[in-house]
Structure formats: C-alpha cells, structure tokens
C-alpha atoms as a PDB file:
ATOM      1  CA  MET A   1      38.876  19.310 114.038  1.00  0.00           C
ATOM      2  CA  PRO A   2      35.707  18.941 111.875  1.00  0.00           C
ATOM      3  CA  HIS A   3      35.474  20.988 108.721  1.00  0.00           C
ATOM      4  CA  LEU A   4      32.653  23.539 108.728  1.00  0.00           C
ATOM      5  CA  THR A   5      31.152  24.780 105.467  1.00  0.00           C
ATOM      6  CA  VAL A   6      29.180  27.978 105.523  1.00  0.00           C
ATOM      7  CA  ARG A   7      26.802  28.555 102.655  1.00  0.00           C
ATOM      8  CA  ARG A   8      24.715  31.639 102.112  1.00  0.00           C
ATOM      9  CA  VAL A   9      21.071  30.780 101.400  1.00  0.00           C
ATOM     10  CA  ASP A  10      18.830  33.296  99.737  1.00  0.00           C
ATOM     11  CA  PRO A  11      15.743  33.724 101.974  1.00  0.00           C
ATOM     12  CA  ALA A  12      13.444  33.641  98.925  1.00  0.00           C
ATOM     13  CA  GLN A  13      14.832  30.246  97.907  1.00  0.00           C
ATOM     14  CA  PHE A  14      14.417  28.973 101.457  1.00  0.00           C
ATOM     15  CA  ILE A  15      10.771  30.032 101.510  1.00  0.00           C
ATOM     16  CA  ASN A  16      10.162  28.396  98.132  1.00  0.00           C
ATOM     17  CA  LEU A  17      11.799  25.178  99.326  1.00  0.00           C
ATOM     18  CA  ARG A  18       9.599  25.191 102.412  1.00  0.00           C
ATOM     19  CA  ARG A  19       6.510  25.702 100.246  1.00  0.00           C
ATOM     20  CA  ILE A  20       7.521  22.870  97.950  1.00  0.00           C
ATOM     21  CA  LYS A  21       8.081  20.527 100.892  1.00  0.00           C
ATOM     22  CA  ALA A  22       4.702  21.532 102.329  1.00  0.00           C
ATOM     23  CA  LEU A  23       3.038  20.824  98.976  1.00  0.00           C
ATOM     24  CA  GLU A  24       4.713  17.422  98.814  1.00  0.00           C
ATOM     25  CA  ARG A  25       3.267  16.562 102.221  1.00  0.00           C
ATOM     26  CA  LYS A  26      -0.241  17.867 101.471  1.00  0.00           C
ATOM     27  CA  ALA A  27      -0.662  16.712  97.875  1.00  0.00           C
ATOM     28  CA  PRO A  28       1.887  14.068  96.873  1.00  0.00           C
ATOM     29  CA  GLN A  29      -0.143  13.141  93.772  1.00  0.00           C
ATOM     30  CA  TYR A  30       0.782  16.474  92.160  1.00  0.00           C
ATOM     31  CA  CYS A  31       4.504  16.024  92.700  1.00  0.00           C
ATOM     32  CA  ASN A  32       4.713  13.034  90.351  1.00  0.00           C
ATOM     33  CA  MET A  33       2.280  14.301  87.719  1.00  0.00           C
ATOM     34  CA  SER A  34       3.506  14.174  84.158  1.00  0.00           C
ATOM     35  CA  LEU A  35       2.801  17.103  81.878  1.00  0.00           C
ATOM     36  CA  LYS A  36       2.766  17.228  78.098  1.00  0.00           C
ATOM     37  CA  LEU A  37       2.828  20.527  76.216  1.00  0.00           C
ATOM     38  CA  THR A  38       2.104  20.566  72.476  1.00  0.00           C
ATOM     39  CA  PHE A  39       2.664  23.690  70.397  1.00  0.00           C
ATOM     40  CA  LEU A  40      -0.220  23.998  67.927  1.00  0.00           C
ATOM     41  CA  GLY A  41       0.575  27.567  66.883  1.00  0.00           C
ATOM     42  CA  GLY A  42       2.645  30.541  67.891  1.00  0.00           C
ATOM     43  CA  ALA A  43       5.877  28.620  67.272  1.00  0.00           C
ATOM     44  CA  GLY A  44       8.116  30.164  64.639  1.00  0.00           C
ATOM     45  CA  THR A  45       5.852  33.214  64.468  1.00  0.00           C
ATOM     46  CA  VAL A  46       4.334  35.678  66.916  1.00  0.00           C
ATOM     47  CA  THR A  47       0.705  34.981  65.940  1.00  0.00           C
ATOM     48  CA  GLY A  48      -1.662  32.035  66.163  1.00  0.00           C
ATOM     49  CA  SER A  49      -0.950  31.228  69.791  1.00  0.00           C
ATOM     50  CA  LYS A  50      -2.288  27.730  70.657  1.00  0.00           C
ATOM     51  CA  TYR A  51      -0.827  25.341  73.232  1.00  0.00           C
ATOM     52  CA  LEU A  52      -2.312  22.033  74.347  1.00  0.00           C
ATOM     53  CA  LEU A  53      -1.520  21.144  77.951  1.00  0.00           C
ATOM     54  CA  GLU A  54      -2.192  17.552  79.005  1.00  0.00           C
ATOM     55  CA  ALA A  55      -1.952  16.575  82.653  1.00  0.00           C
ATOM     56  CA  ASP A  56      -3.592  13.932  84.812  1.00  0.00           C
ATOM     57  CA  GLY A  57      -5.979  12.906  82.024  1.00  0.00           C
ATOM     58  CA  ARG A  58      -7.079  16.501  81.382  1.00  0.00           C
ATOM     59  CA  ARG A  59      -6.661  18.393  78.105  1.00  0.00           C
ATOM     60  CA  ILE A  60      -6.489  22.175  78.347  1.00  0.00           C
ATOM     61  CA  LEU A  61      -6.034  24.477  75.389  1.00  0.00           C
ATOM     62  CA  VAL A  62      -4.115  27.603  76.353  1.00  0.00           C
ATOM     63  CA  ASP A  63      -4.994  30.345  73.865  1.00  0.00           C
ATOM     64  CA  CYS A  64      -6.774  29.814  70.565  1.00  0.00           C
ATOM     65  CA  GLY A  65      -5.478  32.521  68.265  1.00  0.00           C
ATOM     66  CA  LEU A  66      -5.628  33.472  64.625  1.00  0.00           C
ATOM     67  CA  PHE A  67      -2.549  33.671  62.459  1.00  0.00           C
ATOM     68  CA  GLN A  68      -1.955  37.178  61.138  1.00  0.00           C
ATOM     69  CA  GLY A  69       0.504  38.735  58.721  1.00  0.00           C
ATOM     70  CA  PHE A  70       1.780  37.044  55.561  1.00  0.00           C
ATOM     71  CA  LYS A  71      -0.744  35.167  53.413  1.00  0.00           C
ATOM     72  CA  ALA A  72       1.001  31.845  54.052  1.00  0.00           C
ATOM     73  CA  LEU A  73       0.319  32.335  57.769  1.00  0.00           C
ATOM     74  CA  ARG A  74      -3.270  33.546  57.304  1.00  0.00           C
ATOM     75  CA  LEU A  75      -4.107  30.463  55.219  1.00  0.00           C
ATOM     76  CA  ARG A  76      -3.488  28.340  58.332  1.00  0.00           C
ATOM     77  CA  ASN A  77      -6.642  29.884  59.810  1.00  0.00           C
ATOM     78  CA  TRP A  78      -8.775  27.906  57.319  1.00  0.00           C
ATOM     79  CA  ALA A  79      -7.254  24.541  58.138  1.00  0.00           C
ATOM     80  CA  PRO A  80      -9.401  22.266  60.298  1.00  0.00           C
ATOM     81  CA  PRO A  81      -8.472  22.219  63.994  1.00  0.00           C
ATOM     82  CA  ARG A  82      -5.587  19.876  64.760  1.00  0.00           C
ATOM     83  CA  ILE A  83      -7.415  18.675  67.864  1.00  0.00           C
ATOM     84  CA  ASN A  84     -10.937  17.477  68.466  1.00  0.00           C
ATOM     85  CA  PRO A  85     -12.720  20.289  70.338  1.00  0.00           C
ATOM     86  CA  ALA A  86     -14.912  17.741  72.145  1.00  0.00           C
ATOM     87  CA  SER A  87     -11.769  16.231  73.726  1.00  0.00           C
ATOM     88  CA  LEU A  88     -10.948  19.478  75.554  1.00  0.00           C
ATOM     89  CA  ASP A  89     -11.737  19.968  79.227  1.00  0.00           C
ATOM     90  CA  ALA A  90     -11.135  23.718  79.118  1.00  0.00           C
ATOM     91  CA  VAL A  91      -9.842  26.627  77.072  1.00  0.00           C
ATOM     92  CA  ILE A  92      -7.852  29.293  78.899  1.00  0.00           C
ATOM     93  CA  LEU A  93      -7.117  32.632  77.261  1.00  0.00           C
ATOM     94  CA  THR A  94      -4.101  34.609  78.420  1.00  0.00           C
ATOM     95  CA  HIS A  95      -5.672  37.749  76.951  1.00  0.00           C
ATOM     96  CA  ALA A  96      -8.255  38.696  74.317  1.00  0.00           C
ATOM     97  CA  HIS A  97      -6.143  39.843  71.356  1.00  0.00           C
ATOM     98  CA  LEU A  98      -7.112  38.136  68.076  1.00  0.00           C
ATOM     99  CA  ASP A  99      -3.792  36.304  67.874  1.00  0.00           C
ATOM    100  CA  HIS A 100      -4.721  34.619  71.184  1.00  0.00           C
ATOM    101  CA  SER A 101      -8.536  34.271  70.917  1.00  0.00           C
ATOM    102  CA  GLY A 102      -9.631  34.762  67.294  1.00  0.00           C
ATOM    103  CA  TYR A 103      -9.732  31.053  66.340  1.00  0.00           C
ATOM    104  CA  LEU A 104     -12.353  30.193  68.999  1.00  0.00           C
ATOM    105  CA  PRO A 105     -15.356  30.419  66.614  1.00  0.00           C
ATOM    106  CA  LEU A 106     -13.613  28.113  64.125  1.00  0.00           C
ATOM    107  CA  LEU A 107     -12.677  25.704  66.918  1.00  0.00           C
ATOM    108  CA  VAL A 108     -16.257  25.247  68.110  1.00  0.00           C
ATOM    109  CA  LYS A 109     -17.983  25.500  64.704  1.00  0.00           C
ATOM    110  CA  PRO A 110     -17.843  21.708  64.033  1.00  0.00           C
ATOM    111  CA  CYS A 111     -19.661  21.105  67.347  1.00  0.00           C
ATOM    112  CA  PHE A 112     -22.839  22.816  66.075  1.00  0.00           C
ATOM    113  CA  THR A 113     -25.219  22.160  63.201  1.00  0.00           C
ATOM    114  CA  SER A 114     -27.834  24.290  61.490  1.00  0.00           C
ATOM    115  CA  SER A 115     -30.449  22.879  63.883  1.00  0.00           C
ATOM    116  CA  GLY A 116     -28.813  24.823  66.717  1.00  0.00           C
ATOM    117  CA  ARG A 117     -26.833  21.964  68.175  1.00  0.00           C
END
C-alpha cells in the first residue's frame, strides 16, 4: 500500500507561490537579478539613514539623512558624500524627517556652481 503524506499548506503561502511562479513566467530577467545593498549611514545609530541599492546597472539611493545627536555623529554631516551624486539614477525617500532627507542639499551641492549650473 503506498504511503500518503498529508501536509497542511497555508493559503497565503500558496497564493504567494502562485504569484512568484507567474512572475517567473512573465519576467524571467528579474528572477536572476543580483542586488547589492551598501549601508552609507544609519548603521550603528538611528540617524543618518542612507542606503545605496544597486541592481541591473541602476544605482538608487534610499534615504539621504543627516546625522543627529552626539557631536561625533554630527561631524559626519560635513564629510564629502561617499558616492558621486552624478552616478545615481534616483533618490527615494521613505519619509521627510531630517534623519532621512536632510543631507540632500549637501549631496547635490557639488553638482552646481555659482553660475547656476
């Protein structure tokens, strides 16, 4: 007599698996995409959120925040950007608090001169 195994499957997992399989059929290029995430701030502290996401030849900066709090942290705000702003394809802000958006003027400042460009 064959052995029968019964396994309970959560309906939510089943739906997600179906969606994943559908995505694999529709857009196989996304299933093998490599992603690189670099922490440029917000690691080891709760301020200065900056993350560089690289995928499929694109460079996206997620958040661009100021460091706040102790002087040693605030001094990091005056350091030159660790990435070339011209190399970015986009900047995405999760929300508009200074620790997530306050470094934007300093990020783009090198891209402009006194002549307006």
